[in-house]
Amino acid sequence: MVEIKNSEEVERLRAAAKIVAKTLVLLKEEVCPGISTEELDRIARKKIEDEGAKPGFLGYRGYPSTLCVSINEEVVHGIPSSERIIKDGDIVSFDVGSLLNGFYGDAAITVAVGKVKPEHLKLVDVTKKSLNKALAVVKAGVHLGDVSHAVEKFVEKEGMSVVKDFTGHGIGRRLHEDPSIPNYGFAGKGILLRSGMTLAIEPMVCLGKGDITIKKDGWTAVSSDGSYSAHFEHTVCVTDLGCDILSEV
């Protein structure tokens, strides 16, 4: 069942999502060659707690960290480590959540570090644009499949692949609520979006095939063919006029 949030609930969700947005801005400033993903996790946790919130991912289903840091062929859920060092030329995906006053915020970005190959810069750009394509479709009365199809159509036109094993999701008092939001599908299919639905829309895109493998840590998802991957996400609220992006600074 998809929950409809009232205006007060949306504003509480916005407050949590804005903390996530501020944390991502800080991480983008701090990431550089030589820094460990463990240090980036520490920075994220301090920022979230300084803003009066709790890390949304820490302990969720047993996840051990505040931040998901996924590098190059890692798609999502990379666990921070003192031994995982960012290098020049990496593309680094940050996925972070916060919990404030009973509501979650969730967002993700991918950052190019140093001198990055043109094809990897294009991957980051295409993934970000695919999220924007999806957000441009979001509106009360639109089918969820229209949103999913917008991502897939744009990504495949650029010769890349969406990851089908992971999806976006509803969000609110729980980090993952209904509905599931695939990054592929058919226009005109799926539930009708209604004003007050709050969604976390998150394209994950690979340069090669979209198949994934889970590493031995039980969390880190990597592209099966070793191709680079990128990830962008926003928490949004459906309105009669379109899409209210809650996870913007």
Protein backbone atom coordinates (compact mmCIF):
# COMPACT_ATOMS: atom_id res chain seq x y z
CA MET A 1 0.00 0.00 0.00
CA VAL A 2 1.37 3.40 -1.01
CA GLU A 3 1.06 6.05 1.69
CA ILE A 4 -0.11 9.57 0.92
CA LYS A 5 1.64 12.15 3.08
CA ASN A 6 -0.04 15.33 4.32
CA SER A 7 1.70 18.70 4.13
CA GLU A 8 3.14 18.46 7.64
CA GLU A 9 4.59 15.02 6.94
CA VAL A 10 6.10 16.21 3.66
CA GLU A 11 7.85 19.06 5.46
CA ARG A 12 9.27 16.68 8.05
CA LEU A 13 10.52 14.49 5.24
CA ARG A 14 11.98 17.54 3.50
CA ALA A 15 13.93 18.44 6.65
CA ALA A 16 15.50 14.96 6.74
CA ALA A 17 16.24 15.01 3.02
CA LYS A 18 17.91 18.42 3.20
CA ILE A 19 20.36 17.07 5.76
CA VAL A 20 21.23 14.33 3.28
CA ALA A 21 21.71 16.96 0.56
CA LYS A 22 24.04 19.01 2.77
CA THR A 23 26.02 15.88 3.59
CA LEU A 24 26.46 15.05 -0.10
CA VAL A 25 27.67 18.60 -0.81
CA LEU A 26 30.28 18.21 1.94
CA LEU A 27 31.39 14.80 0.67
CA LYS A 28 31.81 16.18 -2.84
CA GLU A 29 34.08 18.86 -1.41
CA GLU A 30 36.11 16.45 0.73
CA VAL A 31 36.65 13.53 -1.65
CA CYS A 32 40.14 13.51 -3.20
CA PRO A 33 42.93 11.11 -4.14
CA GLY A 34 44.42 9.55 -1.00
CA ILE A 35 41.39 9.77 1.29
CA SER A 36 39.97 6.53 2.66
CA THR A 37 36.32 5.64 2.37
CA GLU A 38 36.33 5.16 6.15
CA GLU A 39 37.29 8.81 6.59
CA LEU A 40 34.49 9.86 4.23
CA ASP A 41 32.09 7.78 6.33
CA ARG A 42 33.28 9.57 9.47
CA ILE A 43 32.72 12.95 7.79
CA ALA A 44 29.21 11.96 6.76
CA ARG A 45 28.24 10.70 10.21
CA LYS A 46 29.53 13.83 11.94
CA LYS A 47 27.65 16.09 9.53
CA ILE A 48 24.36 14.22 9.96
CA GLU A 49 24.67 14.19 13.76
CA ASP A 50 25.71 17.86 13.86
CA GLU A 51 22.49 18.64 11.99
CA GLY A 52 20.52 16.92 14.75
CA ALA A 53 19.64 13.74 12.82
CA LYS A 54 20.68 10.10 12.96
CA PRO A 55 22.38 8.17 10.15
CA GLY A 56 19.59 6.44 8.26
CA PHE A 57 21.64 3.50 6.99
CA LEU A 58 23.71 2.65 10.10
CA GLY A 59 22.40 -0.67 11.42
CA TYR A 60 19.67 -0.88 8.78
CA ARG A 61 19.25 -4.61 8.05
CA GLY A 62 22.68 -4.99 9.63
CA TYR A 63 24.49 -2.46 7.41
CA PRO A 64 27.64 -1.45 9.34
CA SER A 65 28.19 2.16 8.21
CA THR A 66 26.62 5.58 7.74
CA LEU A 67 27.58 5.86 4.09
CA CYS A 68 27.58 3.64 1.02
CA VAL A 69 30.70 4.42 -1.04
CA SER A 70 30.83 2.61 -4.38
CA ILE A 71 33.87 3.06 -6.61
CA ASN A 72 34.16 2.43 -10.36
CA GLU A 73 32.69 -1.04 -11.09
CA GLU A 74 30.92 -1.04 -7.71
CA VAL A 75 27.26 -0.27 -8.34
CA VAL A 76 25.84 0.26 -4.84
CA HIS A 77 26.31 -0.60 -1.14
CA GLY A 78 30.09 -0.33 -0.99
CA ILE A 79 31.12 -0.59 2.68
CA PRO A 80 33.61 2.06 3.88
CA SER A 81 37.03 0.80 4.92
CA SER A 82 40.37 2.21 6.06
CA GLU A 83 41.98 0.09 3.33
CA ARG A 84 39.81 1.44 0.49
CA ILE A 85 41.64 4.52 -0.78
CA ILE A 86 40.29 6.89 -3.43
CA LYS A 87 42.58 7.26 -6.45
CA ASP A 88 42.93 9.83 -9.20
CA GLY A 89 40.62 8.87 -12.06
CA ASP A 90 38.02 7.12 -9.88
CA ILE A 91 34.31 7.76 -10.09
CA VAL A 92 32.81 7.55 -6.61
CA SER A 93 29.13 7.09 -5.76
CA PHE A 94 27.88 8.32 -2.39
CA ASP A 95 24.52 7.08 -1.12
CA VAL A 96 23.41 8.39 2.26
CA GLY A 97 20.31 8.53 4.42
CA SER A 98 19.22 10.40 7.54
CA LEU A 99 16.49 9.94 10.13
CA LEU A 100 14.98 13.07 11.67
CA ASN A 101 11.82 13.31 13.77
CA GLY A 102 10.60 9.94 12.57
CA PHE A 103 11.14 10.50 8.83
CA TYR A 104 13.88 9.40 6.44
CA GLY A 105 15.73 11.25 3.70
CA ASP A 106 17.72 9.43 1.02
CA ALA A 107 19.83 10.64 -1.91
CA ALA A 108 22.90 9.73 -3.95
CA ILE A 109 25.44 11.32 -6.30
CA THR A 110 28.43 10.13 -8.31
CA VAL A 111 31.57 12.28 -8.30
CA ALA A 112 34.53 12.24 -10.69
CA VAL A 113 37.87 12.46 -8.85
CA GLY A 114 40.86 13.99 -10.59
CA LYS A 115 41.53 13.20 -14.24
CA VAL A 116 38.74 10.85 -15.31
CA LYS A 117 38.44 9.12 -18.69
CA PRO A 118 35.92 10.75 -21.07
CA GLU A 119 33.76 7.62 -21.27
CA HIS A 120 33.46 7.58 -17.48
CA LEU A 121 32.59 11.27 -17.36
CA LYS A 122 29.89 10.56 -19.94
CA LEU A 123 28.56 7.72 -17.79
CA VAL A 124 28.20 10.08 -14.83
CA ASP A 125 26.51 12.69 -17.02
CA VAL A 126 24.09 10.21 -18.61
CA THR A 127 23.12 8.78 -15.22
CA LYS A 128 22.43 12.23 -13.78
CA LYS A 129 20.43 13.21 -16.85
CA SER A 130 18.43 9.98 -16.66
CA LEU A 131 17.31 10.96 -13.17
CA ASN A 132 16.29 14.37 -14.48
CA LYS A 133 14.33 12.67 -17.29
CA ALA A 134 12.45 10.65 -14.68
CA LEU A 135 11.74 13.67 -12.48
CA ALA A 136 10.39 15.59 -15.46
CA VAL A 137 7.74 12.90 -15.89
CA VAL A 138 6.63 12.72 -12.24
CA LYS A 139 3.17 14.22 -11.76
CA ALA A 140 -0.15 13.22 -10.23
CA GLY A 141 -2.12 11.12 -12.73
CA VAL A 142 0.98 9.69 -14.47
CA HIS A 143 1.64 5.96 -14.43
CA LEU A 144 4.70 4.80 -12.50
CA GLY A 145 5.76 2.91 -15.63
CA ASP A 146 6.11 6.25 -17.43
CA VAL A 147 8.79 7.26 -14.91
CA SER A 148 10.65 3.96 -15.20
CA HIS A 149 10.44 3.97 -18.99
CA ALA A 150 11.88 7.49 -19.17
CA VAL A 151 15.08 6.29 -17.48
CA GLU A 152 15.49 3.14 -19.56
CA LYS A 153 14.75 4.84 -22.87
CA PHE A 154 17.31 7.61 -22.30
CA VAL A 155 20.04 5.30 -20.97
CA GLU A 156 19.72 2.76 -23.78
CA LYS A 157 19.71 5.54 -26.37
CA GLU A 158 23.15 6.47 -25.03
CA GLY A 159 24.37 2.88 -25.42
CA MET A 160 24.43 2.08 -21.70
CA SER A 161 22.43 -0.26 -19.45
CA VAL A 162 20.22 0.20 -16.41
CA VAL A 163 20.71 -2.08 -13.43
CA LYS A 164 17.54 -4.13 -12.96
CA ASP A 165 18.38 -5.89 -9.69
CA PHE A 166 17.89 -2.74 -7.60
CA THR A 167 15.08 -0.21 -7.68
CA GLY A 168 13.95 3.07 -6.22
CA HIS A 169 11.26 3.02 -3.55
CA GLY A 170 8.70 4.89 -1.56
CA ILE A 171 10.05 6.65 1.52
CA GLY A 172 8.69 8.19 4.72
CA ARG A 173 8.54 6.74 8.23
CA ARG A 174 10.36 3.74 6.80
CA LEU A 175 13.44 3.94 4.59
CA HIS A 176 11.86 1.58 2.06
CA GLU A 177 8.12 1.83 1.48
CA ASP A 178 5.86 0.93 -1.41
CA PRO A 179 6.04 1.33 -4.34
CA SER A 180 9.10 -0.29 -5.86
CA ILE A 181 10.39 1.97 -8.67
CA PRO A 182 12.33 0.07 -11.35
CA ASN A 183 14.56 1.94 -13.79
CA TYR A 184 12.96 0.05 -16.67
CA GLY A 185 9.41 -0.62 -17.75
CA PHE A 186 6.54 0.24 -20.03
CA ALA A 187 4.85 3.60 -20.43
CA GLY A 188 1.20 3.54 -19.40
CA LYS A 189 1.69 0.67 -16.96
CA GLY A 190 1.88 0.52 -13.18
CA ILE A 191 0.08 2.44 -10.46
CA LEU A 192 -1.13 5.99 -10.99
CA LEU A 193 0.89 8.56 -9.08
CA ARG A 194 -1.08 10.68 -6.62
CA SER A 195 -0.28 14.00 -4.98
CA GLY A 196 1.41 13.41 -1.63
CA MET A 197 3.28 10.25 -2.61
CA THR A 198 6.93 10.48 -1.55
CA LEU A 199 9.44 8.58 -3.63
CA ALA A 200 13.17 7.90 -3.79
CA ILE A 201 13.98 7.67 -7.49
CA GLU A 202 17.48 6.33 -8.20
CA PRO A 203 18.88 5.29 -11.58
CA MET A 204 21.90 2.99 -11.46
CA VAL A 205 23.63 2.73 -14.83
CA CYS A 206 26.49 0.62 -16.22
CA LEU A 207 28.69 1.27 -19.23
CA GLY A 208 28.42 -2.41 -20.14
CA LYS A 209 25.67 -4.86 -19.27
CA GLY A 210 23.50 -4.16 -16.24
CA ASP A 211 24.07 -7.53 -14.57
CA ILE A 212 25.47 -7.46 -11.04
CA THR A 213 27.29 -9.72 -8.60
CA ILE A 214 27.34 -9.40 -4.79
CA LYS A 215 30.80 -9.55 -3.19
CA LYS A 216 31.68 -11.80 -0.25
CA ASP A 217 30.90 -9.02 2.24
CA GLY A 218 27.23 -9.63 1.45
CA TRP A 219 26.59 -5.99 0.53
CA THR A 220 28.80 -4.56 -2.21
CA ALA A 221 27.21 -4.97 -5.65
CA VAL A 222 29.58 -4.87 -8.63
CA SER A 223 28.93 -5.04 -12.35
CA SER A 224 29.40 -8.64 -13.48
CA ASP A 225 31.42 -7.58 -16.54
CA GLY A 226 33.61 -5.13 -14.60
CA SER A 227 32.23 -2.08 -16.40
CA TYR A 228 32.02 1.20 -14.51
CA SER A 229 28.75 2.23 -12.89
CA ALA A 230 27.14 5.48 -11.67
CA HIS A 231 24.22 6.26 -9.36
CA PHE A 232 22.07 9.33 -8.68
CA GLU A 233 19.03 9.62 -6.39
CA HIS A 234 16.56 12.21 -5.12
CA THR A 235 13.79 12.07 -2.55
CA VAL A 236 10.74 13.74 -4.09
CA CYS A 237 7.06 14.42 -3.47
CA VAL A 238 4.45 14.02 -6.21
CA THR A 239 2.27 17.10 -6.73
CA ASP A 240 -0.59 18.02 -9.04
CA LEU A 241 1.84 20.20 -10.99
CA GLY A 242 4.83 17.87 -11.10
CA CYS A 243 7.68 16.97 -8.79
CA ASP A 244 8.80 18.65 -5.56
CA ILE A 245 12.45 17.66 -5.05
CA LEU A 246 12.93 17.40 -1.28
CA SER A 247 16.64 16.49 -1.28
CA GLU A 248 17.92 19.75 -2.74
CA VAL A 249 20.06 22.19 -0.79
